[in-house]
Each structure stands twice: as structure tokens, then as C-alpha cells.
Amino acid sequence: MKTFKKILCAALATVSIGSIAGCSSGGADKQVVFYTNADDEAVESMQKTLDENGYEGQYIFQSFGTSELGGKLFAEGKNIEADAITMTSYYLDSAQEQNNMFADLTFDVNTTDEYPSFYAPFLGNQGAILVNTDVLAENNLEMPTSVKDLADPKYNGFISVVDIQGSSTAWLMVQSLIDSYGEEETKSILTDIYKNAGAHLEQSGSGPIKKVRAGEVALGFGLRHQAVADKADGLPIDFVDPEEGNYTLTESLAVVDKGEDTNPLAMEMVQCIIETGRPDLMRTYPLPLYEGETADGDAISANSKTYPEPLTVELLEEHQALSESCK
């Protein structure tokens, strides 16, 4: 779930696959082009899965920020260069509604929740409060229990949060506030949170965890799995599942419907990632999405929640406008 990153193009040399076993069942005249907004760790995991299953050299991943890739989906539709897309799910929903640009998947998707027929989720992220326990103790600060607590003046200069204009990671925090307190009270809370954050209002979803790790701040709001991993590695990092609940965003894979020009390997590769690559992805993104998947210990929150309205780009824009009014 990263924001504005440099375009990454990992083009590998084409190899013969006639004798390679794995998911692969045949060749194609050209490489499958993936457009993605995923973190580097997710892209590397997908590449590893494809390489280990007979697709090495037959694909290219190009990385974009979420807003940049979303703009291309809406503006270009089926004329987009990509054969397959990995993207935050709500963008795929809105792009399909506007441009009808994705093909229905040709394989079964055994998810625990219901998803549209044209994409399959490959990872999920939850938000949480991030804590540097050393900095918290050094400054005699209390551990917060809710997102609302981050608005308390005692945390002024000690928190880092994400600007919803820069990264959808911030939407996890904004959803929790609006769902719990309504829009008017949320405006008051956000205004004070942004005041406390000051120069630590980040444009990147990974900004808060980086500043918490570095000890520049005591608290942040960001992706839960990052703090869980840091704590397991012995860093002075902890996390708080806020009273408002932990909200979730998924990222999904879809195949662009180009009619006769559709690359036949695109659907195969998407199926391979979903059916073969989830165990590796769950090492970094442990949220269960498919039947039979489980997570141990602190991997997921016991207070997971879902926003009551469908997530769409239009709803995101409404919440971005609310956020802007709080600065």
C-alpha cells in the first residue's frame, strides 16, 4: 500500500519454457505486463512465485503510486498497456464500473468474504497505532488506547500520521474515526491530530513506522503487520489495536480484457500467484483471506471491523475533502 514511488521495471530475459514444470502451461508472443501499486515486498513475492513456477522471463512489473495508477485506469481503460493489474481493490471496483475493463476470472476464488468476479485479493492490510516504547517511557507518556487519544495535546510533537491525500493507509484511520464518531466530531479530532503531528504529517504510508523506528516520534498510525514484525524482531516497537477497531484494505489482481489482444498468459499468471503465492505473501501480510488460511498470535486484530459503506473512489474523495478541512 505505498504511495508515490519511482517506476520500477524489472524486465528479465526471455527463456524457453518447453521443459519447465510448474504452473506454466505454454508460451506467449510477448511478456505479460503487470501494473502495480504494491509495496516492494509484495512485488518481490509475486515475482518469486512466478519464477519458481515456470514464468521467469515472461513478465514485467511496473510500479506506480496509488493515485498515479488509479488515474491511468480511469483515463485509459482497456487501452492501458498493462495485461494485468495489482491494485487497491476499491480502485478496481470503480474502474470496472466506469470502463468495464476487466475480464471475469476463469478460476475459482475461494475467499472467506465475497468479492467481484473480475478480481482476486492477494493481500490485506490492517491499521493500528504504532508505538516506540523507549521514546514513550523517556517522555513519561501514557500508552494511548484509541485513535481519538492521538488528539490529546500531551502528544503534541510526538506522533506521526499519514495524509490521506498521499496514501490510502491514512484511510484506515479516517474510516475508524468517521464510523465511530460521525463526520462532525471526526473533523474536530482530526484537526487536533494534525496539529499534534505538525511536520510529521506524512505523504507515504510507510512514513510513520519509519519515524517510530528511528525514535523521532513516540507514536504513529500505520500498517499493523509492520509493527508486529518489528516487535517480533526485538525492536522497542509495540502496537495498539484501537478501541475504534482495526479497519482493512485489500489489494487485488485483475486481468485487462483486451478481447482478441488479451495476452493468454495473463490469466495463468494471476491464477498462479493466487493459488501458489499466498503462503509466501502471508509471511509479510498475514491477514487470512482464503478458506483454510489461519494466522497465529498477534498476526490479526481481535477487533477487526469493516466500514459500513462500500469503499469506492468517490467515498475516498469525500473523506479526503473532510481531511483537508482539518488542516
C-alpha atoms as a PDB file:
ATOM      1  CA  MET A   1       0.000   0.000   0.000  1.00  0.00           C
ATOM      2  CA  LYS A   2       2.703   2.550  -0.849  1.00  0.00           C
ATOM      3  CA  THR A   3       2.159   5.948  -2.417  1.00  0.00           C
ATOM      4  CA  PHE A   4       4.363   7.802  -4.857  1.00  0.00           C
ATOM      5  CA  LYS A   5       7.317   5.602  -5.721  1.00  0.00           C
ATOM      6  CA  LYS A   6       9.646   5.636  -8.665  1.00  0.00           C
ATOM      7  CA  ILE A   7       8.572   3.429 -11.548  1.00  0.00           C
ATOM      8  CA  LEU A   8      10.192   0.028 -11.186  1.00  0.00           C
ATOM      9  CA  CYS A   9      10.659  -2.037 -14.335  1.00  0.00           C
ATOM     10  CA  ALA A  10      12.078  -5.486 -13.675  1.00  0.00           C
ATOM     11  CA  ALA A  11      12.430  -6.970 -17.159  1.00  0.00           C
ATOM     12  CA  LEU A  12      14.016 -10.410 -17.235  1.00  0.00           C
ATOM     13  CA  ALA A  13      15.486 -12.228 -20.239  1.00  0.00           C
ATOM     14  CA  THR A  14      13.003 -14.439 -22.089  1.00  0.00           C
ATOM     15  CA  VAL A  15      13.709 -18.147 -21.721  1.00  0.00           C
ATOM     16  CA  SER A  16      12.328 -21.250 -23.348  1.00  0.00           C
ATOM     17  CA  ILE A  17       9.677 -22.927 -21.231  1.00  0.00           C
ATOM     18  CA  GLY A  18       9.156 -26.100 -23.192  1.00  0.00           C
ATOM     19  CA  SER A  19      10.701 -28.271 -20.499  1.00  0.00           C
ATOM     20  CA  ILE A  20       9.835 -26.185 -17.411  1.00  0.00           C
ATOM     21  CA  ALA A  21       7.349 -27.688 -14.958  1.00  0.00           C
ATOM     22  CA  GLY A  22       5.083 -25.697 -12.661  1.00  0.00           C
ATOM     23  CA  CYS A  23       2.017 -23.513 -13.135  1.00  0.00           C
ATOM     24  CA  SER A  24       3.087 -22.603 -16.638  1.00  0.00           C
ATOM     25  CA  SER A  25       1.365 -24.432 -19.472  1.00  0.00           C
ATOM     26  CA  GLY A  26       2.604 -22.656 -22.556  1.00  0.00           C
ATOM     27  CA  GLY A  27       4.264 -19.637 -24.138  1.00  0.00           C
ATOM     28  CA  ALA A  28       3.144 -16.259 -25.411  1.00  0.00           C
ATOM     29  CA  ASP A  29       4.382 -13.921 -28.128  1.00  0.00           C
ATOM     30  CA  LYS A  30       5.113 -11.131 -25.652  1.00  0.00           C
ATOM     31  CA  GLN A  31       5.749 -10.654 -21.968  1.00  0.00           C
ATOM     32  CA  VAL A  32       2.843 -10.104 -19.607  1.00  0.00           C
ATOM     33  CA  VAL A  33       2.927  -6.520 -18.344  1.00  0.00           C
ATOM     34  CA  PHE A  34       1.804  -6.016 -14.733  1.00  0.00           C
ATOM     35  CA  TYR A  35       0.997  -2.531 -13.466  1.00  0.00           C
ATOM     36  CA  THR A  36       1.117  -2.436  -9.666  1.00  0.00           C
ATOM     37  CA  ASN A  37       0.839  -0.100  -6.682  1.00  0.00           C
ATOM     38  CA  ALA A  38       2.041  -2.810  -4.301  1.00  0.00           C
ATOM     39  CA  ASP A  39       4.921  -2.484  -1.839  1.00  0.00           C
ATOM     40  CA  ASP A  40       8.323  -3.776  -2.917  1.00  0.00           C
ATOM     41  CA  GLU A  41       7.938  -6.793  -0.606  1.00  0.00           C
ATOM     42  CA  ALA A  42       4.700  -7.822  -2.338  1.00  0.00           C
ATOM     43  CA  VAL A  43       6.155  -7.358  -5.824  1.00  0.00           C
ATOM     44  CA  GLU A  44       9.213  -9.427  -4.909  1.00  0.00           C
ATOM     45  CA  SER A  45       6.979 -12.175  -3.526  1.00  0.00           C
ATOM     46  CA  MET A  46       4.876 -12.289  -6.709  1.00  0.00           C
ATOM     47  CA  GLN A  47       7.999 -12.384  -8.868  1.00  0.00           C
ATOM     48  CA  LYS A  48       9.419 -15.210  -6.758  1.00  0.00           C
ATOM     49  CA  THR A  49       6.204 -17.205  -7.179  1.00  0.00           C
ATOM     50  CA  LEU A  50       6.155 -16.723 -10.950  1.00  0.00           C
ATOM     51  CA  ASP A  51       9.854 -17.574 -11.339  1.00  0.00           C
ATOM     52  CA  GLU A  52       9.525 -20.742  -9.269  1.00  0.00           C
ATOM     53  CA  ASN A  53       6.555 -21.903 -11.355  1.00  0.00           C
ATOM     54  CA  GLY A  54       7.941 -21.618 -14.856  1.00  0.00           C
ATOM     55  CA  TYR A  55       7.289 -17.987 -15.792  1.00  0.00           C
ATOM     56  CA  GLU A  56      10.753 -16.492 -15.391  1.00  0.00           C
ATOM     57  CA  GLY A  57      11.451 -14.014 -18.188  1.00  0.00           C
ATOM     58  CA  GLN A  58       7.828 -13.878 -19.350  1.00  0.00           C
ATOM     59  CA  TYR A  59       6.599 -10.847 -17.411  1.00  0.00           C
ATOM     60  CA  ILE A  60       7.407  -7.255 -16.477  1.00  0.00           C
ATOM     61  CA  PHE A  61       6.289  -5.436 -13.313  1.00  0.00           C
ATOM     62  CA  GLN A  62       5.958  -1.652 -13.454  1.00  0.00           C
ATOM     63  CA  SER A  63       5.278   0.108 -10.138  1.00  0.00           C
ATOM     64  CA  PHE A  64       3.244   3.280  -9.644  1.00  0.00           C
ATOM     65  CA  GLY A  65       1.859   5.271  -6.781  1.00  0.00           C
ATOM     66  CA  THR A  66      -1.778   4.532  -5.999  1.00  0.00           C
ATOM     67  CA  SER A  67      -3.128   7.844  -7.322  1.00  0.00           C
ATOM     68  CA  GLU A  68      -0.990   7.673 -10.458  1.00  0.00           C
ATOM     69  CA  LEU A  69      -2.084   4.143 -11.321  1.00  0.00           C
ATOM     70  CA  GLY A  70      -5.692   4.960 -10.461  1.00  0.00           C
ATOM     71  CA  GLY A  71      -5.572   7.869 -12.890  1.00  0.00           C
ATOM     72  CA  LYS A  72      -4.290   5.600 -15.655  1.00  0.00           C
ATOM     73  CA  LEU A  73      -7.068   3.079 -15.046  1.00  0.00           C
ATOM     74  CA  PHE A  74      -9.770   5.736 -15.345  1.00  0.00           C
ATOM     75  CA  ALA A  75      -8.218   7.625 -18.270  1.00  0.00           C
ATOM     76  CA  GLU A  76      -7.026   4.692 -20.405  1.00  0.00           C
ATOM     77  CA  GLY A  77      -9.458   1.860 -19.635  1.00  0.00           C
ATOM     78  CA  LYS A  78      -8.942  -1.152 -21.894  1.00  0.00           C
ATOM     79  CA  ASN A  79      -6.334   0.791 -23.868  1.00  0.00           C
ATOM     80  CA  ILE A  80      -3.907   0.630 -20.955  1.00  0.00           C
ATOM     81  CA  GLU A  81      -0.590  -1.040 -21.797  1.00  0.00           C
ATOM     82  CA  ALA A  82      -0.837  -3.485 -18.888  1.00  0.00           C
ATOM     83  CA  ASP A  83      -2.165  -7.022 -19.320  1.00  0.00           C
ATOM     84  CA  ALA A  84      -2.788  -7.459 -15.576  1.00  0.00           C
ATOM     85  CA  ILE A  85      -3.234  -5.052 -12.679  1.00  0.00           C
ATOM     86  CA  THR A  86      -2.450  -5.371  -8.980  1.00  0.00           C
ATOM     87  CA  MET A  87      -4.218  -2.540  -7.194  1.00  0.00           C
ATOM     88  CA  THR A  88      -6.121  -1.473  -4.107  1.00  0.00           C
ATOM     89  CA  SER A  89      -9.480  -3.211  -4.513  1.00  0.00           C
ATOM     90  CA  TYR A  90     -11.745  -0.167  -4.329  1.00  0.00           C
ATOM     91  CA  TYR A  91      -9.932   1.386  -7.305  1.00  0.00           C
ATOM     92  CA  LEU A  92     -10.565  -1.759  -9.351  1.00  0.00           C
ATOM     93  CA  ASP A  93     -14.259  -1.617  -8.430  1.00  0.00           C
ATOM     94  CA  SER A  94     -14.576   1.995  -9.568  1.00  0.00           C
ATOM     95  CA  ALA A  95     -12.500   1.458 -12.731  1.00  0.00           C
ATOM     96  CA  GLN A  96     -14.670  -1.507 -13.716  1.00  0.00           C
ATOM     97  CA  GLU A  97     -17.840   0.477 -13.131  1.00  0.00           C
ATOM     98  CA  GLN A  98     -16.581   3.308 -15.337  1.00  0.00           C
ATOM     99  CA  ASN A  99     -14.727   1.418 -18.077  1.00  0.00           C
ATOM    100  CA  ASN A 100     -15.824  -2.257 -17.893  1.00  0.00           C
ATOM    101  CA  MET A 101     -12.174  -3.082 -18.496  1.00  0.00           C
ATOM    102  CA  PHE A 102     -11.513  -6.334 -16.634  1.00  0.00           C
ATOM    103  CA  ALA A 103     -12.232  -9.926 -17.644  1.00  0.00           C
ATOM    104  CA  ASP A 104     -14.008 -12.319 -15.300  1.00  0.00           C
ATOM    105  CA  LEU A 105     -11.551 -14.702 -13.704  1.00  0.00           C
ATOM    106  CA  THR A 106     -11.565 -18.195 -15.209  1.00  0.00           C
ATOM    107  CA  PHE A 107     -10.610 -19.998 -11.991  1.00  0.00           C
ATOM    108  CA  ASP A 108     -12.316 -20.483  -8.629  1.00  0.00           C
ATOM    109  CA  VAL A 109     -11.508 -17.925  -5.938  1.00  0.00           C
ATOM    110  CA  ASN A 110     -12.201 -19.477  -2.540  1.00  0.00           C
ATOM    111  CA  THR A 111     -12.172 -16.362  -0.388  1.00  0.00           C
ATOM    112  CA  THR A 112     -13.781 -16.183   3.045  1.00  0.00           C
ATOM    113  CA  ASP A 113     -15.618 -12.994   2.011  1.00  0.00           C
ATOM    114  CA  GLU A 114     -17.428 -12.322  -1.248  1.00  0.00           C
ATOM    115  CA  TYR A 115     -15.584 -10.413  -3.982  1.00  0.00           C
ATOM    116  CA  PRO A 116     -16.488  -9.420  -7.562  1.00  0.00           C
ATOM    117  CA  SER A 117     -15.919 -11.981 -10.292  1.00  0.00           C
ATOM    118  CA  PHE A 118     -13.221  -9.927 -12.046  1.00  0.00           C
ATOM    119  CA  TYR A 119     -10.569  -9.793  -9.320  1.00  0.00           C
ATOM    120  CA  ALA A 120      -8.972 -11.853  -6.577  1.00  0.00           C
ATOM    121  CA  PRO A 121      -7.447 -10.334  -3.412  1.00  0.00           C
ATOM    122  CA  PHE A 122      -3.800 -11.220  -2.871  1.00  0.00           C
ATOM    123  CA  LEU A 123      -3.094  -9.333   0.360  1.00  0.00           C
ATOM    124  CA  GLY A 124      -4.858  -7.411   3.115  1.00  0.00           C
ATOM    125  CA  ASN A 125      -3.665  -4.644   5.413  1.00  0.00           C
ATOM    126  CA  GLN A 126      -4.998  -3.500   8.788  1.00  0.00           C
ATOM    127  CA  GLY A 127      -4.299  -0.215  10.524  1.00  0.00           C
ATOM    128  CA  ALA A 128      -3.109   0.191  14.126  1.00  0.00           C
ATOM    129  CA  ILE A 129      -1.367   2.628  16.462  1.00  0.00           C
ATOM    130  CA  LEU A 130       2.408   2.197  16.308  1.00  0.00           C
ATOM    131  CA  VAL A 131       4.498   2.697  19.467  1.00  0.00           C
ATOM    132  CA  ASN A 132       8.178   3.249  20.234  1.00  0.00           C
ATOM    133  CA  THR A 133       8.187   2.047  23.841  1.00  0.00           C
ATOM    134  CA  ASP A 134      11.563   3.638  24.640  1.00  0.00           C
ATOM    135  CA  VAL A 135      10.521   7.112  23.479  1.00  0.00           C
ATOM    136  CA  LEU A 136       7.171   6.756  25.221  1.00  0.00           C
ATOM    137  CA  ALA A 137       8.878   5.898  28.526  1.00  0.00           C
ATOM    138  CA  GLU A 138      11.592   8.554  28.204  1.00  0.00           C
ATOM    139  CA  ASN A 139       8.937  11.246  27.887  1.00  0.00           C
ATOM    140  CA  ASN A 140       6.619   9.836  30.578  1.00  0.00           C
ATOM    141  CA  LEU A 141       3.783   9.470  28.088  1.00  0.00           C
ATOM    142  CA  GLU A 142       0.844   7.148  28.588  1.00  0.00           C
ATOM    143  CA  MET A 143       0.053   4.409  26.115  1.00  0.00           C
ATOM    144  CA  PRO A 144      -2.974   5.501  24.058  1.00  0.00           C
ATOM    145  CA  THR A 145      -5.967   3.184  23.789  1.00  0.00           C
ATOM    146  CA  SER A 146      -7.783   4.787  20.870  1.00  0.00           C
ATOM    147  CA  VAL A 147      -7.175   6.795  17.718  1.00  0.00           C
ATOM    148  CA  LYS A 148      -9.066   9.625  19.405  1.00  0.00           C
ATOM    149  CA  ASP A 149      -6.370   9.714  22.105  1.00  0.00           C
ATOM    150  CA  LEU A 150      -3.861  10.889  19.487  1.00  0.00           C
ATOM    151  CA  ALA A 151      -5.684  14.244  19.523  1.00  0.00           C
ATOM    152  CA  ASP A 152      -4.702  14.850  23.170  1.00  0.00           C
ATOM    153  CA  PRO A 153      -2.372  17.892  23.464  1.00  0.00           C
ATOM    154  CA  LYS A 154       0.057  15.862  25.606  1.00  0.00           C
ATOM    155  CA  TYR A 155       1.121  14.056  22.413  1.00  0.00           C
ATOM    156  CA  ASN A 156       1.960  17.279  20.571  1.00  0.00           C
ATOM    157  CA  GLY A 157       5.170  16.717  18.620  1.00  0.00           C
ATOM    158  CA  PHE A 158       5.237  13.023  19.488  1.00  0.00           C
ATOM    159  CA  ILE A 159       3.055  11.497  16.747  1.00  0.00           C
ATOM    160  CA  SER A 160       3.307  10.774  13.038  1.00  0.00           C
ATOM    161  CA  VAL A 161       0.294  10.035  10.826  1.00  0.00           C
ATOM    162  CA  VAL A 162      -0.335   9.830   7.093  1.00  0.00           C
ATOM    163  CA  ASP A 163      -2.069  12.429   4.943  1.00  0.00           C
ATOM    164  CA  ILE A 164      -4.994  10.781   3.162  1.00  0.00           C
ATOM    165  CA  GLN A 165      -4.103  12.833   0.082  1.00  0.00           C
ATOM    166  CA  GLY A 166      -0.825  10.949  -0.135  1.00  0.00           C
ATOM    167  CA  SER A 167      -1.640   7.357   0.825  1.00  0.00           C
ATOM    168  CA  SER A 168      -4.704   5.201   1.359  1.00  0.00           C
ATOM    169  CA  THR A 169      -3.044   3.928   4.556  1.00  0.00           C
ATOM    170  CA  ALA A 170      -4.479   7.087   6.129  1.00  0.00           C
ATOM    171  CA  TRP A 171      -7.962   5.995   5.082  1.00  0.00           C
ATOM    172  CA  LEU A 172      -7.790   3.204   7.644  1.00  0.00           C
ATOM    173  CA  MET A 173      -7.529   5.847  10.377  1.00  0.00           C
ATOM    174  CA  VAL A 174     -10.169   8.135   8.887  1.00  0.00           C
ATOM    175  CA  GLN A 175     -12.618   5.255   8.446  1.00  0.00           C
ATOM    176  CA  SER A 176     -12.239   4.306  12.098  1.00  0.00           C
ATOM    177  CA  LEU A 177     -12.971   7.859  13.245  1.00  0.00           C
ATOM    178  CA  ILE A 178     -15.965   8.538  10.994  1.00  0.00           C
ATOM    179  CA  ASP A 179     -17.545   5.163  11.717  1.00  0.00           C
ATOM    180  CA  SER A 180     -17.086   5.640  15.473  1.00  0.00           C
ATOM    181  CA  TYR A 181     -17.809   9.339  15.964  1.00  0.00           C
ATOM    182  CA  GLY A 182     -19.536  10.698  12.860  1.00  0.00           C
ATOM    183  CA  GLU A 183     -18.213  13.327  10.476  1.00  0.00           C
ATOM    184  CA  GLU A 184     -18.583  16.417  12.669  1.00  0.00           C
ATOM    185  CA  GLU A 185     -16.723  15.029  15.687  1.00  0.00           C
ATOM    186  CA  THR A 186     -14.168  13.465  13.347  1.00  0.00           C
ATOM    187  CA  LYS A 187     -13.349  16.922  11.981  1.00  0.00           C
ATOM    188  CA  SER A 188     -12.557  18.132  15.493  1.00  0.00           C
ATOM    189  CA  ILE A 189     -10.468  15.036  16.291  1.00  0.00           C
ATOM    190  CA  LEU A 190      -8.545  15.149  13.006  1.00  0.00           C
ATOM    191  CA  THR A 191      -7.820  18.851  13.403  1.00  0.00           C
ATOM    192  CA  ASP A 192      -6.129  18.152  16.754  1.00  0.00           C
ATOM    193  CA  ILE A 193      -4.323  15.045  15.454  1.00  0.00           C
ATOM    194  CA  TYR A 194      -2.849  17.013  12.560  1.00  0.00           C
ATOM    195  CA  LYS A 195      -1.857  19.802  14.959  1.00  0.00           C
ATOM    196  CA  ASN A 196      -0.062  17.236  17.155  1.00  0.00           C
ATOM    197  CA  ALA A 197       1.662  15.686  14.147  1.00  0.00           C
ATOM    198  CA  GLY A 198       2.921  19.005  12.784  1.00  0.00           C
ATOM    199  CA  ALA A 199       5.840  18.308  10.470  1.00  0.00           C
ATOM    200  CA  HIS A 200       5.280  14.568  10.914  1.00  0.00           C
ATOM    201  CA  LEU A 201       2.194  14.503   8.665  1.00  0.00           C
ATOM    202  CA  GLU A 202       3.495  12.050   6.068  1.00  0.00           C
ATOM    203  CA  GLN A 203       2.705  11.533   2.384  1.00  0.00           C
ATOM    204  CA  SER A 204       3.928   7.925   2.398  1.00  0.00           C
ATOM    205  CA  GLY A 205       2.125   5.081   4.135  1.00  0.00           C
ATOM    206  CA  SER A 206       5.456   3.855   5.494  1.00  0.00           C
ATOM    207  CA  GLY A 207       6.382   7.285   6.873  1.00  0.00           C
ATOM    208  CA  PRO A 208       5.026   6.790  10.417  1.00  0.00           C
ATOM    209  CA  ILE A 209       6.638   3.392  11.018  1.00  0.00           C
ATOM    210  CA  LYS A 210       9.994   4.739   9.799  1.00  0.00           C
ATOM    211  CA  LYS A 211       9.825   7.666  12.237  1.00  0.00           C
ATOM    212  CA  VAL A 212       8.649   5.428  15.083  1.00  0.00           C
ATOM    213  CA  ARG A 213      11.522   3.006  14.409  1.00  0.00           C
ATOM    214  CA  ALA A 214      14.031   5.859  14.299  1.00  0.00           C
ATOM    215  CA  GLY A 215      12.757   7.279  17.591  1.00  0.00           C
ATOM    216  CA  GLU A 216      11.816  10.590  16.002  1.00  0.00           C
ATOM    217  CA  VAL A 217       8.319  10.176  17.466  1.00  0.00           C
ATOM    218  CA  ALA A 218       6.756   8.014  20.151  1.00  0.00           C
ATOM    219  CA  LEU A 219       3.543   7.150  18.307  1.00  0.00           C
ATOM    220  CA  GLY A 220       2.233   6.738  14.810  1.00  0.00           C
ATOM    221  CA  PHE A 221      -0.671   5.343  12.864  1.00  0.00           C
ATOM    222  CA  GLY A 222       0.195   2.894  10.122  1.00  0.00           C
ATOM    223  CA  LEU A 223       0.112  -0.698   8.961  1.00  0.00           C
ATOM    224  CA  ARG A 224      -0.307  -3.178  11.788  1.00  0.00           C
ATOM    225  CA  HIS A 225       1.789  -6.003  10.357  1.00  0.00           C
ATOM    226  CA  GLN A 226       4.885  -3.786  10.229  1.00  0.00           C
ATOM    227  CA  ALA A 227       4.780  -3.140  13.986  1.00  0.00           C
ATOM    228  CA  VAL A 228       4.026  -6.812  14.688  1.00  0.00           C
ATOM    229  CA  ALA A 229       7.128  -7.823  12.717  1.00  0.00           C
ATOM    230  CA  ASP A 230       9.332  -5.211  14.406  1.00  0.00           C
ATOM    231  CA  LYS A 231       8.198  -6.328  17.850  1.00  0.00           C
ATOM    232  CA  ALA A 232       8.912  -9.964  16.970  1.00  0.00           C
ATOM    233  CA  ASP A 233      12.410  -8.923  15.842  1.00  0.00           C
ATOM    234  CA  GLY A 234      13.127  -7.486  19.291  1.00  0.00           C
ATOM    235  CA  LEU A 235      12.922  -3.787  18.407  1.00  0.00           C
ATOM    236  CA  PRO A 236      11.439  -1.409  21.015  1.00  0.00           C
ATOM    237  CA  ILE A 237       8.275  -1.310  18.932  1.00  0.00           C
ATOM    238  CA  ASP A 238       4.763  -2.195  20.037  1.00  0.00           C
ATOM    239  CA  PHE A 239       1.276  -1.618  18.682  1.00  0.00           C
ATOM    240  CA  VAL A 240      -2.176  -0.793  19.979  1.00  0.00           C
ATOM    241  CA  ASP A 241      -5.380  -2.138  18.482  1.00  0.00           C
ATOM    242  CA  PRO A 242      -7.524   0.956  18.995  1.00  0.00           C
ATOM    243  CA  GLU A 243     -10.909   0.925  20.668  1.00  0.00           C
ATOM    244  CA  GLU A 244     -12.472   2.119  17.408  1.00  0.00           C
ATOM    245  CA  GLY A 245     -11.381  -1.123  15.742  1.00  0.00           C
ATOM    246  CA  ASN A 246      -8.883  -2.172  13.087  1.00  0.00           C
ATOM    247  CA  TYR A 247     -10.148  -1.481   9.574  1.00  0.00           C
ATOM    248  CA  THR A 248      -8.913  -3.315   6.489  1.00  0.00           C
ATOM    249  CA  LEU A 249      -7.977  -2.564   2.884  1.00  0.00           C
ATOM    250  CA  THR A 250      -7.262  -5.332   0.371  1.00  0.00           C
ATOM    251  CA  GLU A 251      -5.184  -5.300  -2.782  1.00  0.00           C
ATOM    252  CA  SER A 252      -6.281  -7.479  -5.683  1.00  0.00           C
ATOM    253  CA  LEU A 253      -5.235  -8.907  -9.047  1.00  0.00           C
ATOM    254  CA  ALA A 254      -7.247  -8.390 -12.245  1.00  0.00           C
ATOM    255  CA  VAL A 255      -6.761  -9.187 -15.941  1.00  0.00           C
ATOM    256  CA  VAL A 256      -7.408  -6.448 -18.513  1.00  0.00           C
ATOM    257  CA  ASP A 257      -9.994  -7.522 -21.097  1.00  0.00           C
ATOM    258  CA  LYS A 258      -8.473  -6.651 -24.476  1.00  0.00           C
ATOM    259  CA  GLY A 259     -10.596  -9.047 -26.480  1.00  0.00           C
ATOM    260  CA  GLU A 260      -8.540 -10.886 -29.092  1.00  0.00           C
ATOM    261  CA  ASP A 261      -5.456  -8.954 -27.973  1.00  0.00           C
ATOM    262  CA  THR A 262      -5.633 -10.288 -24.400  1.00  0.00           C
ATOM    263  CA  ASN A 263      -2.346 -11.978 -23.513  1.00  0.00           C
ATOM    264  CA  PRO A 264      -3.303 -15.618 -22.778  1.00  0.00           C
ATOM    265  CA  LEU A 265      -0.639 -15.924 -20.108  1.00  0.00           C
ATOM    266  CA  ALA A 266      -2.021 -13.058 -18.008  1.00  0.00           C
ATOM    267  CA  MET A 267      -4.851 -15.129 -16.531  1.00  0.00           C
ATOM    268  CA  GLU A 268      -2.477 -18.058 -15.926  1.00  0.00           C
ATOM    269  CA  MET A 269      -0.050 -15.865 -14.003  1.00  0.00           C
ATOM    270  CA  VAL A 270      -2.773 -14.286 -11.887  1.00  0.00           C
ATOM    271  CA  GLN A 271      -4.085 -17.746 -11.037  1.00  0.00           C
ATOM    272  CA  CYS A 272      -0.564 -18.927 -10.205  1.00  0.00           C
ATOM    273  CA  ILE A 273       0.015 -16.025  -7.785  1.00  0.00           C
ATOM    274  CA  ILE A 274      -3.330 -16.572  -6.042  1.00  0.00           C
ATOM    275  CA  GLU A 275      -3.156 -20.360  -5.823  1.00  0.00           C
ATOM    276  CA  THR A 276       0.578 -20.764  -5.199  1.00  0.00           C
ATOM    277  CA  GLY A 277       1.893 -17.489  -3.853  1.00  0.00           C
ATOM    278  CA  ARG A 278      -0.317 -16.809  -0.840  1.00  0.00           C
ATOM    279  CA  PRO A 279       1.869 -18.696   1.716  1.00  0.00           C
ATOM    280  CA  ASP A 280       4.860 -16.529   0.826  1.00  0.00           C
ATOM    281  CA  LEU A 281       2.774 -13.327   0.805  1.00  0.00           C
ATOM    282  CA  MET A 282       1.364 -14.176   4.236  1.00  0.00           C
ATOM    283  CA  ARG A 283       4.856 -14.111   5.737  1.00  0.00           C
ATOM    284  CA  THR A 284       4.697 -10.328   5.308  1.00  0.00           C
ATOM    285  CA  TYR A 285       0.933  -9.743   5.083  1.00  0.00           C
ATOM    286  CA  PRO A 286      -0.556 -12.313   7.481  1.00  0.00           C
ATOM    287  CA  LEU A 287      -4.226 -11.376   7.172  1.00  0.00           C
ATOM    288  CA  PRO A 288      -6.198 -14.521   6.136  1.00  0.00           C
ATOM    289  CA  LEU A 289      -8.294 -14.001   3.008  1.00  0.00           C
ATOM    290  CA  TYR A 290      -8.911 -17.530   1.702  1.00  0.00           C
ATOM    291  CA  GLU A 291     -10.622 -20.608   3.073  1.00  0.00           C
ATOM    292  CA  GLY A 292      -8.247 -22.701   5.156  1.00  0.00           C
ATOM    293  CA  GLU A 293      -5.834 -19.857   5.908  1.00  0.00           C
ATOM    294  CA  THR A 294      -5.040 -19.102   9.541  1.00  0.00           C
ATOM    295  CA  ALA A 295      -2.953 -16.529  11.383  1.00  0.00           C
ATOM    296  CA  ASP A 296      -1.116 -17.126  14.648  1.00  0.00           C
ATOM    297  CA  GLY A 297      -0.872 -14.943  17.734  1.00  0.00           C
ATOM    298  CA  ASP A 298      -0.830 -11.212  17.089  1.00  0.00           C
ATOM    299  CA  ALA A 299      -0.992 -11.522  13.304  1.00  0.00           C
ATOM    300  CA  ILE A 300      -4.531 -10.125  13.125  1.00  0.00           C
ATOM    301  CA  SER A 301      -6.625  -7.997  15.451  1.00  0.00           C
ATOM    302  CA  ALA A 302      -9.405  -9.444  17.573  1.00  0.00           C
ATOM    303  CA  ASN A 303     -11.315  -6.213  16.917  1.00  0.00           C
ATOM    304  CA  SER A 304     -11.331  -6.246  13.113  1.00  0.00           C
ATOM    305  CA  LYS A 305     -14.022  -4.062  11.572  1.00  0.00           C
ATOM    306  CA  THR A 306     -15.447  -3.256   8.144  1.00  0.00           C
ATOM    307  CA  TYR A 307     -16.629   0.185   7.101  1.00  0.00           C
ATOM    308  CA  PRO A 308     -20.440   0.113   6.748  1.00  0.00           C
ATOM    309  CA  GLU A 309     -20.446   1.637   3.236  1.00  0.00           C
ATOM    310  CA  PRO A 310     -18.859   0.099   0.140  1.00  0.00           C
ATOM    311  CA  LEU A 311     -15.371   1.525  -0.394  1.00  0.00           C
ATOM    312  CA  THR A 312     -15.200   3.495  -3.639  1.00  0.00           C
ATOM    313  CA  VAL A 313     -13.003   6.203  -5.106  1.00  0.00           C
ATOM    314  CA  GLU A 314     -15.937   8.577  -4.691  1.00  0.00           C
ATOM    315  CA  LEU A 315     -16.142   7.833  -0.949  1.00  0.00           C
ATOM    316  CA  LEU A 316     -12.375   8.271  -0.662  1.00  0.00           C
ATOM    317  CA  GLU A 317     -12.655  11.691  -2.302  1.00  0.00           C
ATOM    318  CA  GLU A 318     -15.359  12.697   0.209  1.00  0.00           C
ATOM    319  CA  HIS A 319     -13.121  11.687   3.097  1.00  0.00           C
ATOM    320  CA  GLN A 320     -10.145  13.453   1.514  1.00  0.00           C
ATOM    321  CA  ALA A 321     -12.177  16.656   1.379  1.00  0.00           C
ATOM    322  CA  LEU A 322     -13.126  16.229   5.048  1.00  0.00           C
ATOM    323  CA  SER A 323      -9.470  15.712   5.918  1.00  0.00           C
ATOM    324  CA  GLU A 324      -8.381  18.807   4.003  1.00  0.00           C
ATOM    325  CA  SER A 325     -10.817  20.927   6.017  1.00  0.00           C
ATOM    326  CA  CYS A 326      -8.989  19.868   9.196  1.00  0.00           C
ATOM    327  CA  LYS A 327      -5.534  21.163   8.223  1.00  0.00           C
END
